[in-house]
Amino acid sequence: MLSSHLKIALPTTDELPCSDDTPVDNEDQNFLPNVLLFLLSSIWASRMDWFFGVDMGLYHTTGVNPRVPVVPDGFLSLGVERKKDGKSRKSYAVWEENEVVPILTLEMVSQTPGGEYDEKLAIYEKLGVLYYMIYNPEYWRRDQHQPFEVYKLVDGNYQLQIGEPYWMPEVGLGIGRYQGVIGGISQELLSWYDKSGNRYLTSDELAQLERTRAEQERTRAEQERTRAEQERTRAEQERTRAEQLAQYLRSLGIDPNNLP
């Protein structure tokens, strides 16, 4: 725990860089965490007690220098403001967030190894991040790991978890991979899941689902109209046949309304 004197000496996020300025070496490093962010903005639209950062400097005091950040590809904090003081964050400093450490961090392995399995794992472990996820869809064989790994902090040490999608009761969400289509492109994506293992749909999927339902309703309505028209046609044909029969009986001198 920091002393009040040390807290006063810590810089504010206005004084700190928002990231380490290291460029990503593939587009998915920024794209996939943003997919999770946008989906979470829909799932938790009514909640104002969370923040999901993407490629943002995470400043803390458990390292050698509080001015040197760790920059996860994505991270989630609970119990903090969506907008800090009504404004967008430039970076995330634990000492400015009532000492709230992210509950989840995500790192995506790229062509250039970034210490995801050792250096960053040790940083998040010391920081006290409950869940650490490593997504490595292309280079997992090179690194001798699985394509998607979830580590949970147990007694101060990370332990590799099993199961996918993996349910996180402390977060109230599951996370896992799926093959999806975004922007007309099919690719493997990360997504949030509910406790039953059902994937939360993206806004595009929900819109498509709504269009499909509307089309099904129109089809059902048209089928009902067709059936009703067919019934009217059959009823009219029955009336016509009955009238023809009545006219024939009258031609024979028989009253169709007074048959023996």
C-alpha atoms as a PDB file:
ATOM      1  CA  MET A   1       0.000   0.000   0.000  1.00  0.00           C
ATOM      2  CA  LEU A   2       1.350   3.432  -0.935  1.00  0.00           C
ATOM      3  CA  SER A   3       1.891   6.089   1.697  1.00  0.00           C
ATOM      4  CA  SER A   4       0.044   9.375   1.347  1.00  0.00           C
ATOM      5  CA  HIS A   5       3.403  11.090   0.765  1.00  0.00           C
ATOM      6  CA  LEU A   6       4.218   8.789  -2.141  1.00  0.00           C
ATOM      7  CA  LYS A   7       0.756   9.215  -3.630  1.00  0.00           C
ATOM      8  CA  ILE A   8       1.280  12.995  -3.775  1.00  0.00           C
ATOM      9  CA  ALA A   9       4.506  12.469  -5.698  1.00  0.00           C
ATOM     10  CA  LEU A  10       2.907  10.271  -8.345  1.00  0.00           C
ATOM     11  CA  PRO A  11       2.217  11.890 -11.736  1.00  0.00           C
ATOM     12  CA  THR A  12      -1.280  12.415 -13.081  1.00  0.00           C
ATOM     13  CA  THR A  13      -2.518  10.767 -16.273  1.00  0.00           C
ATOM     14  CA  ASP A  14      -2.368  14.197 -17.943  1.00  0.00           C
ATOM     15  CA  GLU A  15       1.401  14.058 -17.477  1.00  0.00           C
ATOM     16  CA  LEU A  16       1.854  10.480 -18.638  1.00  0.00           C
ATOM     17  CA  PRO A  17       2.000   9.086 -22.204  1.00  0.00           C
ATOM     18  CA  CYS A  18      -1.161   7.244 -23.220  1.00  0.00           C
ATOM     19  CA  SER A  19       0.852   4.245 -24.480  1.00  0.00           C
ATOM     20  CA  ASP A  20       4.414   3.126 -25.067  1.00  0.00           C
ATOM     21  CA  ASP A  21       4.170   4.264 -28.709  1.00  0.00           C
ATOM     22  CA  THR A  22       5.169   0.797 -29.911  1.00  0.00           C
ATOM     23  CA  PRO A  23       3.337   0.119 -33.188  1.00  0.00           C
ATOM     24  CA  VAL A  24       1.411  -3.113 -33.532  1.00  0.00           C
ATOM     25  CA  ASP A  25       2.661  -5.493 -36.210  1.00  0.00           C
ATOM     26  CA  ASN A  26      -0.730  -6.807 -37.263  1.00  0.00           C
ATOM     27  CA  GLU A  27      -4.173  -5.243 -37.515  1.00  0.00           C
ATOM     28  CA  ASP A  28      -5.892  -7.788 -35.251  1.00  0.00           C
ATOM     29  CA  GLN A  29      -3.952  -6.556 -32.209  1.00  0.00           C
ATOM     30  CA  ASN A  30      -6.117  -3.456 -32.253  1.00  0.00           C
ATOM     31  CA  PHE A  31      -9.155  -4.798 -34.067  1.00  0.00           C
ATOM     32  CA  LEU A  32     -10.076  -7.807 -31.922  1.00  0.00           C
ATOM     33  CA  PRO A  33      -9.922  -6.028 -28.542  1.00  0.00           C
ATOM     34  CA  ASN A  34     -12.120  -3.310 -30.013  1.00  0.00           C
ATOM     35  CA  VAL A  35     -14.626  -5.980 -31.076  1.00  0.00           C
ATOM     36  CA  LEU A  36     -14.766  -7.071 -27.424  1.00  0.00           C
ATOM     37  CA  LEU A  37     -15.157  -3.436 -26.319  1.00  0.00           C
ATOM     38  CA  PHE A  38     -18.005  -2.690 -28.729  1.00  0.00           C
ATOM     39  CA  LEU A  39     -19.778  -5.905 -27.776  1.00  0.00           C
ATOM     40  CA  LEU A  40     -19.378  -5.127 -24.082  1.00  0.00           C
ATOM     41  CA  SER A  41     -20.803  -1.652 -24.697  1.00  0.00           C
ATOM     42  CA  SER A  42     -23.956  -3.397 -25.900  1.00  0.00           C
ATOM     43  CA  ILE A  43     -24.103  -6.091 -23.202  1.00  0.00           C
ATOM     44  CA  TRP A  44     -23.487  -3.632 -20.352  1.00  0.00           C
ATOM     45  CA  ALA A  45     -25.074  -0.570 -21.954  1.00  0.00           C
ATOM     46  CA  SER A  46     -26.933   0.317 -18.750  1.00  0.00           C
ATOM     47  CA  ARG A  47     -23.900  -0.152 -16.480  1.00  0.00           C
ATOM     48  CA  MET A  48     -21.562   2.720 -15.703  1.00  0.00           C
ATOM     49  CA  ASP A  49     -19.185   0.858 -13.375  1.00  0.00           C
ATOM     50  CA  TRP A  50     -16.686  -0.603 -15.827  1.00  0.00           C
ATOM     51  CA  PHE A  51     -13.946   0.390 -18.232  1.00  0.00           C
ATOM     52  CA  PHE A  52     -12.364  -1.532 -21.096  1.00  0.00           C
ATOM     53  CA  GLY A  53      -9.088  -0.152 -22.387  1.00  0.00           C
ATOM     54  CA  VAL A  54      -7.530  -0.988 -25.753  1.00  0.00           C
ATOM     55  CA  ASP A  55      -3.783  -0.508 -26.348  1.00  0.00           C
ATOM     56  CA  MET A  56      -3.728   1.947 -23.419  1.00  0.00           C
ATOM     57  CA  GLY A  57      -0.960   2.609 -20.945  1.00  0.00           C
ATOM     58  CA  LEU A  58      -1.637   0.921 -17.616  1.00  0.00           C
ATOM     59  CA  TYR A  59       0.380   2.668 -14.899  1.00  0.00           C
ATOM     60  CA  HIS A  60       0.974   1.013 -11.540  1.00  0.00           C
ATOM     61  CA  THR A  61       3.343   1.067  -8.585  1.00  0.00           C
ATOM     62  CA  THR A  62       4.300  -2.611  -8.489  1.00  0.00           C
ATOM     63  CA  GLY A  63       7.092  -2.168 -11.027  1.00  0.00           C
ATOM     64  CA  VAL A  64      10.447  -0.428 -10.855  1.00  0.00           C
ATOM     65  CA  ASN A  65       9.055   2.942 -12.006  1.00  0.00           C
ATOM     66  CA  PRO A  66       5.437   4.169 -11.888  1.00  0.00           C
ATOM     67  CA  ARG A  67       6.142   6.251 -15.005  1.00  0.00           C
ATOM     68  CA  VAL A  68       6.778   3.097 -17.055  1.00  0.00           C
ATOM     69  CA  PRO A  69       3.487   1.508 -18.130  1.00  0.00           C
ATOM     70  CA  VAL A  70       2.521  -1.947 -19.213  1.00  0.00           C
ATOM     71  CA  VAL A  71       0.327  -1.747 -22.304  1.00  0.00           C
ATOM     72  CA  PRO A  72      -2.116  -4.640 -22.667  1.00  0.00           C
ATOM     73  CA  ASP A  73      -3.852  -5.152 -25.968  1.00  0.00           C
ATOM     74  CA  GLY A  74      -7.036  -5.029 -23.891  1.00  0.00           C
ATOM     75  CA  PHE A  75      -7.997  -4.826 -20.225  1.00  0.00           C
ATOM     76  CA  LEU A  76     -11.173  -4.673 -18.153  1.00  0.00           C
ATOM     77  CA  SER A  77     -11.662  -2.922 -14.821  1.00  0.00           C
ATOM     78  CA  LEU A  78     -14.796  -3.188 -12.695  1.00  0.00           C
ATOM     79  CA  GLY A  79     -16.014  -0.702 -10.108  1.00  0.00           C
ATOM     80  CA  VAL A  80     -14.668   2.348 -11.943  1.00  0.00           C
ATOM     81  CA  GLU A  81     -16.366   5.061 -13.995  1.00  0.00           C
ATOM     82  CA  ARG A  82     -17.040   4.468 -17.681  1.00  0.00           C
ATOM     83  CA  LYS A  83     -15.939   8.056 -18.227  1.00  0.00           C
ATOM     84  CA  LYS A  84     -13.613   9.372 -15.546  1.00  0.00           C
ATOM     85  CA  ASP A  85     -14.991  12.717 -14.373  1.00  0.00           C
ATOM     86  CA  GLY A  86     -17.123  12.671 -17.526  1.00  0.00           C
ATOM     87  CA  LYS A  87     -14.108  12.598 -19.833  1.00  0.00           C
ATOM     88  CA  SER A  88     -12.302   9.957 -21.857  1.00  0.00           C
ATOM     89  CA  ARG A  89      -9.150   8.529 -20.279  1.00  0.00           C
ATOM     90  CA  LYS A  90      -5.771   9.168 -21.848  1.00  0.00           C
ATOM     91  CA  SER A  91      -4.299   6.307 -19.824  1.00  0.00           C
ATOM     92  CA  TYR A  92      -5.154   4.234 -16.766  1.00  0.00           C
ATOM     93  CA  ALA A  93      -3.258   4.947 -13.542  1.00  0.00           C
ATOM     94  CA  VAL A  94      -4.192   2.602 -10.715  1.00  0.00           C
ATOM     95  CA  TRP A  95      -3.556   5.308  -8.113  1.00  0.00           C
ATOM     96  CA  GLU A  96      -6.142   7.550  -9.807  1.00  0.00           C
ATOM     97  CA  GLU A  97      -8.738   4.738  -9.879  1.00  0.00           C
ATOM     98  CA  ASN A  98      -9.016   4.154  -6.112  1.00  0.00           C
ATOM     99  CA  GLU A  99      -6.374   1.439  -6.450  1.00  0.00           C
ATOM    100  CA  VAL A 100      -8.678  -0.635  -8.708  1.00  0.00           C
ATOM    101  CA  VAL A 101      -6.508  -3.067 -10.644  1.00  0.00           C
ATOM    102  CA  PRO A 102      -7.884  -4.495 -13.912  1.00  0.00           C
ATOM    103  CA  ILE A 103      -9.658  -7.791 -13.329  1.00  0.00           C
ATOM    104  CA  LEU A 104      -8.719  -9.011 -16.799  1.00  0.00           C
ATOM    105  CA  THR A 105      -5.947  -8.372 -19.286  1.00  0.00           C
ATOM    106  CA  LEU A 106      -5.597  -9.642 -22.846  1.00  0.00           C
ATOM    107  CA  GLU A 107      -2.425 -10.002 -24.873  1.00  0.00           C
ATOM    108  CA  MET A 108      -2.297 -11.046 -28.517  1.00  0.00           C
ATOM    109  CA  VAL A 109       0.878 -12.725 -29.706  1.00  0.00           C
ATOM    110  CA  SER A 110       2.218 -11.496 -33.018  1.00  0.00           C
ATOM    111  CA  GLN A 111       5.124 -12.303 -35.308  1.00  0.00           C
ATOM    112  CA  THR A 112       7.491 -10.562 -32.929  1.00  0.00           C
ATOM    113  CA  PRO A 113       7.271 -12.189 -29.457  1.00  0.00           C
ATOM    114  CA  GLY A 114       6.461  -9.622 -26.787  1.00  0.00           C
ATOM    115  CA  GLY A 115       7.104 -11.502 -23.583  1.00  0.00           C
ATOM    116  CA  GLU A 116       3.504 -12.582 -23.246  1.00  0.00           C
ATOM    117  CA  TYR A 117       4.373 -15.919 -21.606  1.00  0.00           C
ATOM    118  CA  ASP A 118       7.011 -14.654 -19.209  1.00  0.00           C
ATOM    119  CA  GLU A 119       7.688 -10.937 -18.773  1.00  0.00           C
ATOM    120  CA  LYS A 120       4.120  -9.685 -19.056  1.00  0.00           C
ATOM    121  CA  LEU A 121       2.774 -12.682 -17.193  1.00  0.00           C
ATOM    122  CA  ALA A 122       5.052 -11.781 -14.287  1.00  0.00           C
ATOM    123  CA  ILE A 123       3.965  -8.118 -14.411  1.00  0.00           C
ATOM    124  CA  TYR A 124       0.247  -8.937 -14.292  1.00  0.00           C
ATOM    125  CA  GLU A 125       0.828 -11.581 -11.635  1.00  0.00           C
ATOM    126  CA  LYS A 126       2.599  -9.084  -9.375  1.00  0.00           C
ATOM    127  CA  LEU A 127       0.017  -6.396 -10.131  1.00  0.00           C
ATOM    128  CA  GLY A 128      -2.746  -8.763  -9.040  1.00  0.00           C
ATOM    129  CA  VAL A 129      -4.746  -9.062 -12.268  1.00  0.00           C
ATOM    130  CA  LEU A 130      -7.177 -11.925 -11.632  1.00  0.00           C
ATOM    131  CA  TYR A 131      -7.433 -13.186 -15.226  1.00  0.00           C
ATOM    132  CA  TYR A 132      -4.710 -13.034 -17.851  1.00  0.00           C
ATOM    133  CA  MET A 133      -5.511 -14.198 -21.380  1.00  0.00           C
ATOM    134  CA  ILE A 134      -3.114 -14.878 -24.217  1.00  0.00           C
ATOM    135  CA  TYR A 135      -4.465 -15.199 -27.761  1.00  0.00           C
ATOM    136  CA  ASN A 136      -1.978 -16.760 -30.154  1.00  0.00           C
ATOM    137  CA  PRO A 137      -3.822 -18.023 -33.267  1.00  0.00           C
ATOM    138  CA  GLU A 138      -0.845 -18.112 -35.640  1.00  0.00           C
ATOM    139  CA  TYR A 139       2.327 -18.737 -33.659  1.00  0.00           C
ATOM    140  CA  TRP A 140       1.202 -21.070 -30.877  1.00  0.00           C
ATOM    141  CA  ARG A 141       3.166 -24.008 -32.247  1.00  0.00           C
ATOM    142  CA  ARG A 142       6.288 -21.858 -32.440  1.00  0.00           C
ATOM    143  CA  ASP A 143       5.773 -20.799 -28.831  1.00  0.00           C
ATOM    144  CA  GLN A 144       4.753 -24.300 -27.664  1.00  0.00           C
ATOM    145  CA  HIS A 145       1.473 -23.091 -26.207  1.00  0.00           C
ATOM    146  CA  GLN A 146      -2.205 -23.360 -27.041  1.00  0.00           C
ATOM    147  CA  PRO A 147      -3.901 -20.843 -29.381  1.00  0.00           C
ATOM    148  CA  PHE A 148      -5.976 -19.414 -26.518  1.00  0.00           C
ATOM    149  CA  GLU A 149      -4.984 -19.624 -22.883  1.00  0.00           C
ATOM    150  CA  VAL A 150      -6.630 -18.274 -19.745  1.00  0.00           C
ATOM    151  CA  TYR A 151      -4.625 -17.910 -16.561  1.00  0.00           C
ATOM    152  CA  LYS A 152      -6.212 -17.261 -13.166  1.00  0.00           C
ATOM    153  CA  LEU A 153      -4.418 -15.831 -10.163  1.00  0.00           C
ATOM    154  CA  VAL A 154      -4.575 -18.428  -7.383  1.00  0.00           C
ATOM    155  CA  ASP A 155      -2.680 -17.755  -4.148  1.00  0.00           C
ATOM    156  CA  GLY A 156      -0.539 -15.176  -5.902  1.00  0.00           C
ATOM    157  CA  ASN A 157       0.411 -17.356  -8.872  1.00  0.00           C
ATOM    158  CA  TYR A 158      -1.111 -17.817 -12.304  1.00  0.00           C
ATOM    159  CA  GLN A 159      -2.608 -21.208 -13.044  1.00  0.00           C
ATOM    160  CA  LEU A 160      -3.624 -22.251 -16.544  1.00  0.00           C
ATOM    161  CA  GLN A 161      -7.373 -22.900 -16.744  1.00  0.00           C
ATOM    162  CA  ILE A 162      -9.281 -25.358 -18.918  1.00  0.00           C
ATOM    163  CA  GLY A 163     -12.547 -25.091 -20.827  1.00  0.00           C
ATOM    164  CA  GLU A 164     -13.757 -22.833 -23.608  1.00  0.00           C
ATOM    165  CA  PRO A 165     -15.670 -20.642 -23.517  1.00  0.00           C
ATOM    166  CA  TYR A 166     -14.221 -20.024 -20.094  1.00  0.00           C
ATOM    167  CA  TRP A 167     -16.681 -18.688 -17.492  1.00  0.00           C
ATOM    168  CA  MET A 168     -15.453 -15.997 -15.090  1.00  0.00           C
ATOM    169  CA  PRO A 169     -17.904 -15.681 -12.179  1.00  0.00           C
ATOM    170  CA  GLU A 170     -16.132 -12.618 -10.775  1.00  0.00           C
ATOM    171  CA  VAL A 171     -16.703 -10.845 -14.091  1.00  0.00           C
ATOM    172  CA  GLY A 172     -20.098 -12.308 -14.895  1.00  0.00           C
ATOM    173  CA  LEU A 173     -18.967 -13.198 -18.401  1.00  0.00           C
ATOM    174  CA  GLY A 174     -17.358 -16.003 -20.317  1.00  0.00           C
ATOM    175  CA  ILE A 175     -14.824 -15.577 -23.100  1.00  0.00           C
ATOM    176  CA  GLY A 176     -13.844 -17.751 -26.038  1.00  0.00           C
ATOM    177  CA  ARG A 177     -13.257 -18.030 -29.771  1.00  0.00           C
ATOM    178  CA  TYR A 178     -15.656 -18.502 -32.648  1.00  0.00           C
ATOM    179  CA  GLN A 179     -15.657 -18.324 -36.425  1.00  0.00           C
ATOM    180  CA  GLY A 180     -17.582 -15.235 -37.422  1.00  0.00           C
ATOM    181  CA  VAL A 181     -18.071 -12.625 -40.115  1.00  0.00           C
ATOM    182  CA  ILE A 182     -17.444  -8.929 -39.552  1.00  0.00           C
ATOM    183  CA  GLY A 183     -17.499  -6.431 -42.382  1.00  0.00           C
ATOM    184  CA  GLY A 184     -18.083  -9.237 -44.851  1.00  0.00           C
ATOM    185  CA  ILE A 185     -14.856 -10.994 -43.832  1.00  0.00           C
ATOM    186  CA  SER A 186     -14.875 -14.428 -42.200  1.00  0.00           C
ATOM    187  CA  GLN A 187     -12.263 -14.965 -39.513  1.00  0.00           C
ATOM    188  CA  GLU A 188     -11.720 -16.313 -36.022  1.00  0.00           C
ATOM    189  CA  LEU A 189     -12.854 -13.826 -33.403  1.00  0.00           C
ATOM    190  CA  LEU A 190     -13.030 -13.489 -29.636  1.00  0.00           C
ATOM    191  CA  SER A 191     -16.373 -13.006 -27.955  1.00  0.00           C
ATOM    192  CA  TRP A 192     -18.160 -12.785 -24.615  1.00  0.00           C
ATOM    193  CA  TYR A 193     -20.469 -15.605 -23.514  1.00  0.00           C
ATOM    194  CA  ASP A 194     -23.197 -15.976 -20.902  1.00  0.00           C
ATOM    195  CA  LYS A 195     -23.161 -18.490 -18.053  1.00  0.00           C
ATOM    196  CA  SER A 196     -24.889 -21.127 -20.218  1.00  0.00           C
ATOM    197  CA  GLY A 197     -22.179 -20.865 -22.868  1.00  0.00           C
ATOM    198  CA  ASN A 198     -24.287 -18.861 -25.324  1.00  0.00           C
ATOM    199  CA  ARG A 199     -22.345 -16.323 -27.329  1.00  0.00           C
ATOM    200  CA  TYR A 200     -23.451 -12.703 -27.177  1.00  0.00           C
ATOM    201  CA  LEU A 201     -24.279 -11.535 -30.685  1.00  0.00           C
ATOM    202  CA  THR A 202     -22.702  -8.504 -32.317  1.00  0.00           C
ATOM    203  CA  SER A 203     -24.820  -5.529 -33.382  1.00  0.00           C
ATOM    204  CA  ASP A 204     -24.581  -6.693 -37.012  1.00  0.00           C
ATOM    205  CA  GLU A 205     -25.730 -10.179 -36.035  1.00  0.00           C
ATOM    206  CA  LEU A 206     -28.616  -8.780 -33.972  1.00  0.00           C
ATOM    207  CA  ALA A 207     -29.645  -6.561 -36.889  1.00  0.00           C
ATOM    208  CA  GLN A 208     -29.479  -9.538 -39.264  1.00  0.00           C
ATOM    209  CA  LEU A 209     -31.459 -11.632 -36.793  1.00  0.00           C
ATOM    210  CA  GLU A 210     -34.086  -8.899 -36.609  1.00  0.00           C
ATOM    211  CA  ARG A 211     -34.222  -8.696 -40.414  1.00  0.00           C
ATOM    212  CA  THR A 212     -34.585 -12.476 -40.613  1.00  0.00           C
ATOM    213  CA  ARG A 213     -37.379 -12.455 -38.041  1.00  0.00           C
ATOM    214  CA  ALA A 214     -39.146  -9.622 -39.854  1.00  0.00           C
ATOM    215  CA  GLU A 215     -38.853 -11.518 -43.150  1.00  0.00           C
ATOM    216  CA  GLN A 216     -40.209 -14.666 -41.472  1.00  0.00           C
ATOM    217  CA  GLU A 217     -43.126 -12.636 -40.105  1.00  0.00           C
ATOM    218  CA  ARG A 218     -43.829 -11.228 -43.553  1.00  0.00           C
ATOM    219  CA  THR A 219     -43.669 -14.734 -45.014  1.00  0.00           C
ATOM    220  CA  ARG A 220     -46.025 -16.090 -42.347  1.00  0.00           C
ATOM    221  CA  ALA A 221     -48.429 -13.170 -42.888  1.00  0.00           C
ATOM    222  CA  GLU A 222     -48.365 -13.783 -46.643  1.00  0.00           C
ATOM    223  CA  GLN A 223     -49.007 -17.493 -46.098  1.00  0.00           C
ATOM    224  CA  GLU A 224     -51.947 -16.637 -43.837  1.00  0.00           C
ATOM    225  CA  ARG A 225     -53.339 -14.283 -46.477  1.00  0.00           C
ATOM    226  CA  THR A 226     -52.906 -17.013 -49.101  1.00  0.00           C
ATOM    227  CA  ARG A 227     -54.660 -19.586 -46.901  1.00  0.00           C
ATOM    228  CA  ALA A 228     -57.484 -17.145 -46.162  1.00  0.00           C
ATOM    229  CA  GLU A 229     -57.897 -16.431 -49.862  1.00  0.00           C
ATOM    230  CA  GLN A 230     -57.924 -20.144 -50.621  1.00  0.00           C
ATOM    231  CA  GLU A 231     -60.643 -20.650 -47.974  1.00  0.00           C
ATOM    232  CA  ARG A 232     -62.693 -17.822 -49.464  1.00  0.00           C
ATOM    233  CA  THR A 233     -62.273 -19.375 -52.906  1.00  0.00           C
ATOM    234  CA  ARG A 234     -63.338 -22.829 -51.651  1.00  0.00           C
ATOM    235  CA  ALA A 235     -66.328 -21.326 -49.841  1.00  0.00           C
ATOM    236  CA  GLU A 236     -67.355 -19.458 -52.974  1.00  0.00           C
ATOM    237  CA  GLN A 237     -67.018 -22.633 -55.046  1.00  0.00           C
ATOM    238  CA  GLU A 238     -69.189 -24.498 -52.517  1.00  0.00           C
ATOM    239  CA  ARG A 239     -71.831 -21.772 -52.689  1.00  0.00           C
ATOM    240  CA  THR A 240     -71.732 -21.882 -56.489  1.00  0.00           C
ATOM    241  CA  ARG A 241     -72.133 -25.690 -56.526  1.00  0.00           C
ATOM    242  CA  ALA A 242     -74.969 -25.492 -54.007  1.00  0.00           C
ATOM    243  CA  GLU A 243     -76.748 -22.874 -56.081  1.00  0.00           C
ATOM    244  CA  GLN A 244     -76.294 -24.912 -59.266  1.00  0.00           C
ATOM    245  CA  LEU A 245     -77.735 -27.990 -57.503  1.00  0.00           C
ATOM    246  CA  ALA A 246     -80.660 -25.956 -56.211  1.00  0.00           C
ATOM    247  CA  GLN A 247     -81.400 -24.655 -59.708  1.00  0.00           C
ATOM    248  CA  TYR A 248     -81.254 -28.213 -61.112  1.00  0.00           C
ATOM    249  CA  LEU A 249     -83.690 -29.493 -58.495  1.00  0.00           C
ATOM    250  CA  ARG A 250     -86.080 -26.673 -59.248  1.00  0.00           C
ATOM    251  CA  SER A 251     -85.913 -27.578 -62.953  1.00  0.00           C
ATOM    252  CA  LEU A 252     -87.159 -31.031 -61.891  1.00  0.00           C
ATOM    253  CA  GLY A 253     -89.979 -29.515 -59.889  1.00  0.00           C
ATOM    254  CA  ILE A 254     -88.326 -30.238 -56.571  1.00  0.00           C
ATOM    255  CA  ASP A 255     -88.119 -27.597 -53.870  1.00  0.00           C
ATOM    256  CA  PRO A 256     -84.490 -27.680 -52.667  1.00  0.00           C
ATOM    257  CA  ASN A 257     -85.613 -26.197 -49.371  1.00  0.00           C
ATOM    258  CA  ASN A 258     -88.150 -28.942 -48.750  1.00  0.00           C
ATOM    259  CA  LEU A 259     -86.463 -32.195 -49.656  1.00  0.00           C
ATOM    260  CA  PRO A 260     -88.028 -35.433 -48.442  1.00  0.00           C
END
